[in-house]
Amino acid sequence: SWDVYKKEVVSGKLEWSPSHKSDNFWKDNYKAFEAGAFETVKQLISLLDSEDPQVLAIACNDIAQFIKAHPDGRKLMTQFGAKPAAMLVLKHPDPTVQKYALACVQRLMVINWEYLSK
């Protein structure tokens, strides 16, 4: 649920729970990220400074998921500084972190994602 997800982001300790991988979660909850001047979005971006490889991978995953679900997701994430933070995560030594960081950066860079899938 949204409340459980938000508490997890605020705690800074992300685990691979179903919400991180469920397209339905993101479709159903992307508007909830708008609350409090996008506070949860900002907190999620701040997790890109984490020392924990799992937190980094999940934060990158979630940023990519948000961009996919929210009509202005890419613009918002760029506005709040996700792009330079995610670019730094690309240099992480863990290949799993690199994989999710690359997917995140791709979503941040591609303007019309639907066009590429045709």
N, C-alpha and C. Protein backbone atom coordinates (compact mmCIF):
# COMPACT_ATOMS: atom_id res chain seq x y z
N SER A 1 0.84 -1.20 0.00
CA SER A 1 0.00 0.00 0.00
C SER A 1 0.88 1.25 0.00
N TRP A 2 0.26 2.37 -0.32
CA TRP A 2 1.00 3.63 -0.38
C TRP A 2 1.62 3.98 0.97
N ASP A 3 0.86 3.81 2.06
CA ASP A 3 1.37 4.19 3.38
C ASP A 3 2.62 3.38 3.75
N VAL A 4 2.60 2.10 3.46
CA VAL A 4 3.75 1.24 3.76
C VAL A 4 4.94 1.68 2.91
N TYR A 5 4.69 1.95 1.64
CA TYR A 5 5.77 2.39 0.74
C TYR A 5 6.38 3.70 1.23
N LYS A 6 5.53 4.65 1.57
CA LYS A 6 6.02 5.97 2.01
C LYS A 6 6.87 5.84 3.27
N LYS A 7 6.42 5.01 4.23
CA LYS A 7 7.20 4.80 5.45
C LYS A 7 8.57 4.19 5.13
N GLU A 8 8.59 3.29 4.17
CA GLU A 8 9.85 2.65 3.78
C GLU A 8 10.81 3.69 3.19
N VAL A 9 10.31 4.57 2.33
CA VAL A 9 11.15 5.60 1.73
C VAL A 9 11.66 6.55 2.80
N VAL A 10 10.79 6.96 3.71
CA VAL A 10 11.18 7.88 4.78
C VAL A 10 12.25 7.24 5.67
N SER A 11 12.14 5.94 5.91
CA SER A 11 13.11 5.23 6.76
C SER A 11 14.49 5.14 6.09
N GLY A 12 14.50 5.18 4.76
CA GLY A 12 15.76 5.04 4.03
C GLY A 12 16.24 3.62 3.89
N LYS A 13 15.44 2.67 4.35
CA LYS A 13 15.80 1.25 4.30
C LYS A 13 14.86 0.54 3.33
N LEU A 14 15.21 0.52 2.06
CA LEU A 14 14.35 -0.08 1.05
C LEU A 14 14.62 -1.58 0.93
N GLU A 15 13.53 -2.34 0.81
CA GLU A 15 13.59 -3.79 0.60
C GLU A 15 12.81 -4.09 -0.68
N TRP A 16 13.15 -5.18 -1.36
CA TRP A 16 12.46 -5.55 -2.59
C TRP A 16 11.06 -6.09 -2.29
N SER A 17 10.18 -5.24 -1.83
CA SER A 17 8.79 -5.63 -1.59
C SER A 17 8.01 -5.54 -2.90
N PRO A 18 6.81 -6.14 -2.96
CA PRO A 18 6.05 -6.15 -4.22
C PRO A 18 5.77 -4.77 -4.81
N SER A 19 5.62 -3.76 -3.98
CA SER A 19 5.30 -2.43 -4.51
C SER A 19 6.37 -1.91 -5.46
N HIS A 20 7.61 -2.29 -5.25
CA HIS A 20 8.70 -1.79 -6.10
C HIS A 20 8.66 -2.39 -7.50
N LYS A 21 8.06 -3.57 -7.61
CA LYS A 21 8.07 -4.28 -8.89
C LYS A 21 6.71 -4.30 -9.59
N SER A 22 5.67 -3.83 -8.92
CA SER A 22 4.31 -3.93 -9.45
C SER A 22 3.92 -2.72 -10.29
N ASP A 23 3.67 -2.94 -11.57
CA ASP A 23 3.18 -1.85 -12.42
C ASP A 23 1.87 -1.28 -11.89
N ASN A 24 1.03 -2.15 -11.34
CA ASN A 24 -0.25 -1.69 -10.80
C ASN A 24 -0.06 -0.72 -9.63
N PHE A 25 0.92 -0.99 -8.76
CA PHE A 25 1.18 -0.08 -7.65
C PHE A 25 1.48 1.32 -8.18
N TRP A 26 2.32 1.40 -9.18
CA TRP A 26 2.72 2.70 -9.72
C TRP A 26 1.56 3.38 -10.46
N LYS A 27 0.77 2.62 -11.21
CA LYS A 27 -0.39 3.19 -11.90
C LYS A 27 -1.41 3.73 -10.89
N ASP A 28 -1.59 2.99 -9.80
CA ASP A 28 -2.60 3.36 -8.80
C ASP A 28 -2.13 4.48 -7.87
N ASN A 29 -0.83 4.65 -7.70
CA ASN A 29 -0.33 5.56 -6.65
C ASN A 29 0.54 6.72 -7.13
N TYR A 30 0.76 6.86 -8.42
CA TYR A 30 1.68 7.92 -8.86
C TYR A 30 1.22 9.30 -8.41
N LYS A 31 -0.10 9.53 -8.31
CA LYS A 31 -0.59 10.84 -7.87
C LYS A 31 -0.28 11.10 -6.40
N ALA A 32 -0.17 10.04 -5.60
CA ALA A 32 0.13 10.20 -4.18
C ALA A 32 1.51 10.84 -3.98
N PHE A 33 2.40 10.68 -4.94
CA PHE A 33 3.73 11.29 -4.85
C PHE A 33 3.67 12.81 -4.89
N GLU A 34 2.56 13.37 -5.38
CA GLU A 34 2.42 14.82 -5.51
C GLU A 34 2.18 15.51 -4.16
N ALA A 35 1.78 14.75 -3.15
CA ALA A 35 1.46 15.33 -1.84
C ALA A 35 2.69 15.99 -1.22
N GLY A 36 2.44 17.05 -0.47
CA GLY A 36 3.52 17.73 0.26
C GLY A 36 4.60 18.26 -0.66
N ALA A 37 4.22 18.84 -1.77
CA ALA A 37 5.17 19.40 -2.74
C ALA A 37 6.17 18.34 -3.21
N PHE A 38 5.65 17.14 -3.48
CA PHE A 38 6.46 16.02 -3.99
C PHE A 38 7.53 15.58 -2.99
N GLU A 39 7.20 15.63 -1.71
CA GLU A 39 8.17 15.28 -0.66
C GLU A 39 8.72 13.86 -0.82
N THR A 40 7.86 12.90 -1.16
CA THR A 40 8.33 11.51 -1.31
C THR A 40 9.27 11.38 -2.51
N VAL A 41 9.01 12.13 -3.58
CA VAL A 41 9.91 12.13 -4.74
C VAL A 41 11.28 12.64 -4.31
N LYS A 42 11.30 13.72 -3.57
CA LYS A 42 12.58 14.31 -3.12
C LYS A 42 13.32 13.34 -2.19
N GLN A 43 12.57 12.66 -1.32
CA GLN A 43 13.20 11.70 -0.41
C GLN A 43 13.78 10.52 -1.20
N LEU A 44 13.05 10.08 -2.21
CA LEU A 44 13.52 8.98 -3.05
C LEU A 44 14.82 9.37 -3.76
N ILE A 45 14.87 10.57 -4.30
CA ILE A 45 16.09 11.05 -4.96
C ILE A 45 17.25 11.13 -3.96
N SER A 46 16.96 11.56 -2.74
CA SER A 46 18.02 11.67 -1.72
C SER A 46 18.63 10.30 -1.40
N LEU A 47 17.87 9.23 -1.61
CA LEU A 47 18.39 7.88 -1.35
C LEU A 47 19.46 7.47 -2.36
N LEU A 48 19.62 8.23 -3.44
CA LEU A 48 20.68 7.95 -4.40
C LEU A 48 22.06 8.27 -3.82
N ASP A 49 22.10 8.83 -2.62
CA ASP A 49 23.36 9.07 -1.90
C ASP A 49 23.67 7.96 -0.91
N SER A 50 22.82 6.93 -0.85
CA SER A 50 22.99 5.85 0.12
C SER A 50 24.29 5.08 -0.12
N GLU A 51 24.79 4.50 0.96
CA GLU A 51 25.97 3.63 0.88
C GLU A 51 25.55 2.17 0.63
N ASP A 52 24.27 1.88 0.82
CA ASP A 52 23.75 0.52 0.72
C ASP A 52 23.40 0.19 -0.74
N PRO A 53 24.07 -0.81 -1.33
CA PRO A 53 23.80 -1.14 -2.73
C PRO A 53 22.34 -1.50 -3.02
N GLN A 54 21.69 -2.19 -2.08
CA GLN A 54 20.28 -2.55 -2.29
C GLN A 54 19.41 -1.31 -2.34
N VAL A 55 19.64 -0.37 -1.44
CA VAL A 55 18.87 0.88 -1.43
C VAL A 55 19.08 1.64 -2.73
N LEU A 56 20.32 1.69 -3.21
CA LEU A 56 20.61 2.37 -4.47
C LEU A 56 19.86 1.72 -5.63
N ALA A 57 19.91 0.40 -5.71
CA ALA A 57 19.24 -0.31 -6.81
C ALA A 57 17.74 -0.06 -6.78
N ILE A 58 17.15 -0.16 -5.59
CA ILE A 58 15.70 0.01 -5.48
C ILE A 58 15.30 1.45 -5.74
N ALA A 59 16.06 2.41 -5.25
CA ALA A 59 15.75 3.82 -5.50
C ALA A 59 15.81 4.11 -7.00
N CYS A 60 16.81 3.59 -7.69
CA CYS A 60 16.89 3.77 -9.15
C CYS A 60 15.69 3.13 -9.83
N ASN A 61 15.34 1.93 -9.40
CA ASN A 61 14.17 1.24 -9.94
C ASN A 61 12.91 2.08 -9.75
N ASP A 62 12.73 2.61 -8.55
CA ASP A 62 11.52 3.36 -8.24
C ASP A 62 11.44 4.67 -9.01
N ILE A 63 12.56 5.32 -9.20
CA ILE A 63 12.58 6.55 -9.99
C ILE A 63 12.17 6.23 -11.43
N ALA A 64 12.70 5.15 -11.98
CA ALA A 64 12.33 4.73 -13.33
C ALA A 64 10.84 4.38 -13.41
N GLN A 65 10.33 3.70 -12.38
CA GLN A 65 8.91 3.34 -12.34
C GLN A 65 8.03 4.59 -12.29
N PHE A 66 8.43 5.56 -11.48
CA PHE A 66 7.66 6.81 -11.36
C PHE A 66 7.63 7.53 -12.70
N ILE A 67 8.78 7.60 -13.37
CA ILE A 67 8.84 8.27 -14.68
C ILE A 67 7.90 7.59 -15.67
N LYS A 68 7.85 6.29 -15.62
CA LYS A 68 6.97 5.53 -16.52
C LYS A 68 5.49 5.78 -16.20
N ALA A 69 5.15 5.88 -14.92
CA ALA A 69 3.75 5.97 -14.51
C ALA A 69 3.18 7.39 -14.54
N HIS A 70 3.97 8.37 -14.15
CA HIS A 70 3.47 9.75 -14.02
C HIS A 70 3.62 10.48 -15.35
N PRO A 71 2.56 11.16 -15.80
CA PRO A 71 2.63 11.88 -17.09
C PRO A 71 3.77 12.90 -17.17
N ASP A 72 4.13 13.51 -16.04
CA ASP A 72 5.23 14.48 -16.01
C ASP A 72 6.42 13.94 -15.22
N GLY A 73 6.52 12.62 -15.11
CA GLY A 73 7.54 12.00 -14.27
C GLY A 73 8.96 12.39 -14.62
N ARG A 74 9.30 12.35 -15.90
CA ARG A 74 10.67 12.68 -16.32
C ARG A 74 10.99 14.13 -16.00
N LYS A 75 10.06 15.01 -16.32
CA LYS A 75 10.25 16.44 -16.06
C LYS A 75 10.43 16.70 -14.56
N LEU A 76 9.59 16.07 -13.75
CA LEU A 76 9.65 16.28 -12.29
C LEU A 76 10.96 15.75 -11.72
N MET A 77 11.34 14.55 -12.12
CA MET A 77 12.59 13.97 -11.60
C MET A 77 13.79 14.81 -12.02
N THR A 78 13.76 15.33 -13.24
CA THR A 78 14.85 16.19 -13.70
C THR A 78 14.86 17.49 -12.91
N GLN A 79 13.69 18.05 -12.69
CA GLN A 79 13.56 19.31 -11.94
C GLN A 79 14.10 19.17 -10.52
N PHE A 80 13.90 18.00 -9.91
CA PHE A 80 14.33 17.79 -8.52
C PHE A 80 15.75 17.22 -8.41
N GLY A 81 16.46 17.11 -9.52
CA GLY A 81 17.87 16.74 -9.46
C GLY A 81 18.20 15.26 -9.56
N ALA A 82 17.28 14.46 -10.06
CA ALA A 82 17.54 13.02 -10.14
C ALA A 82 18.61 12.67 -11.17
N LYS A 83 18.68 13.44 -12.26
CA LYS A 83 19.59 13.06 -13.35
C LYS A 83 21.06 13.04 -12.92
N PRO A 84 21.61 14.12 -12.36
CA PRO A 84 23.02 14.06 -11.97
C PRO A 84 23.28 13.03 -10.86
N ALA A 85 22.32 12.87 -9.96
CA ALA A 85 22.49 11.89 -8.88
C ALA A 85 22.52 10.47 -9.44
N ALA A 86 21.63 10.17 -10.38
CA ALA A 86 21.59 8.83 -10.99
C ALA A 86 22.83 8.58 -11.84
N MET A 87 23.34 9.62 -12.50
CA MET A 87 24.56 9.48 -13.31
C MET A 87 25.74 9.07 -12.42
N LEU A 88 25.80 9.60 -11.21
CA LEU A 88 26.87 9.22 -10.28
C LEU A 88 26.74 7.76 -9.85
N VAL A 89 25.50 7.30 -9.70
CA VAL A 89 25.27 5.91 -9.27
C VAL A 89 25.75 4.93 -10.36
N LEU A 90 25.77 5.36 -11.61
CA LEU A 90 26.27 4.51 -12.70
C LEU A 90 27.69 4.02 -12.43
N LYS A 91 28.46 4.78 -11.67
CA LYS A 91 29.87 4.44 -11.40
C LYS A 91 30.03 3.44 -10.24
N HIS A 92 28.92 3.05 -9.62
CA HIS A 92 28.98 2.13 -8.48
C HIS A 92 29.61 0.81 -8.90
N PRO A 93 30.45 0.20 -8.04
CA PRO A 93 31.12 -1.06 -8.42
C PRO A 93 30.19 -2.28 -8.51
N ASP A 94 29.03 -2.24 -7.88
CA ASP A 94 28.11 -3.38 -7.89
C ASP A 94 27.36 -3.44 -9.23
N PRO A 95 27.46 -4.57 -9.96
CA PRO A 95 26.80 -4.66 -11.27
C PRO A 95 25.27 -4.56 -11.21
N THR A 96 24.67 -5.02 -10.12
CA THR A 96 23.22 -4.91 -9.98
C THR A 96 22.82 -3.45 -9.84
N VAL A 97 23.56 -2.70 -9.05
CA VAL A 97 23.30 -1.27 -8.91
C VAL A 97 23.48 -0.58 -10.26
N GLN A 98 24.53 -0.93 -10.97
CA GLN A 98 24.77 -0.34 -12.29
C GLN A 98 23.60 -0.59 -13.24
N LYS A 99 23.07 -1.81 -13.20
CA LYS A 99 21.95 -2.18 -14.08
C LYS A 99 20.74 -1.29 -13.82
N TYR A 100 20.38 -1.13 -12.55
CA TYR A 100 19.21 -0.30 -12.23
C TYR A 100 19.49 1.18 -12.46
N ALA A 101 20.72 1.61 -12.23
CA ALA A 101 21.08 3.01 -12.49
C ALA A 101 20.99 3.30 -13.98
N LEU A 102 21.44 2.37 -14.81
CA LEU A 102 21.37 2.56 -16.25
C LEU A 102 19.92 2.66 -16.72
N ALA A 103 19.06 1.78 -16.21
CA ALA A 103 17.64 1.84 -16.57
C ALA A 103 17.03 3.17 -16.14
N CYS A 104 17.42 3.64 -14.98
CA CYS A 104 16.93 4.92 -14.46
C CYS A 104 17.38 6.07 -15.36
N VAL A 105 18.66 6.10 -15.69
CA VAL A 105 19.20 7.17 -16.53
C VAL A 105 18.55 7.12 -17.92
N GLN A 106 18.32 5.92 -18.44
CA GLN A 106 17.64 5.81 -19.74
C GLN A 106 16.26 6.46 -19.68
N ARG A 107 15.53 6.18 -18.62
CA ARG A 107 14.19 6.78 -18.48
C ARG A 107 14.29 8.29 -18.33
N LEU A 108 15.31 8.76 -17.64
CA LEU A 108 15.49 10.21 -17.48
C LEU A 108 15.85 10.89 -18.81
N MET A 109 16.52 10.17 -19.69
CA MET A 109 17.00 10.77 -20.94
C MET A 109 16.00 10.66 -22.09
N VAL A 110 15.25 9.58 -22.17
CA VAL A 110 14.36 9.36 -23.30
C VAL A 110 13.09 10.18 -23.12
N ILE A 111 12.80 11.00 -24.11
CA ILE A 111 11.66 11.89 -24.02
C ILE A 111 10.35 11.16 -24.30
N ASN A 112 10.30 10.36 -25.34
CA ASN A 112 9.06 9.66 -25.67
C ASN A 112 9.30 8.16 -25.60
N TRP A 113 9.11 7.59 -24.41
CA TRP A 113 9.40 6.19 -24.16
C TRP A 113 8.52 5.28 -25.02
N GLU A 114 7.26 5.63 -25.20
CA GLU A 114 6.33 4.81 -25.95
C GLU A 114 6.79 4.67 -27.41
N TYR A 115 7.35 5.73 -27.96
CA TYR A 115 7.81 5.71 -29.35
C TYR A 115 8.87 4.64 -29.56
N LEU A 116 9.74 4.45 -28.60
CA LEU A 116 10.82 3.48 -28.73
C LEU A 116 10.33 2.04 -28.67
N SER A 117 9.20 1.81 -28.04
CA SER A 117 8.71 0.44 -27.89
C SER A 117 7.95 -0.04 -29.12
N LYS A 118 7.77 0.83 -30.12
CA LYS A 118 7.03 0.43 -31.33
C LYS A 118 7.93 -0.28 -32.32
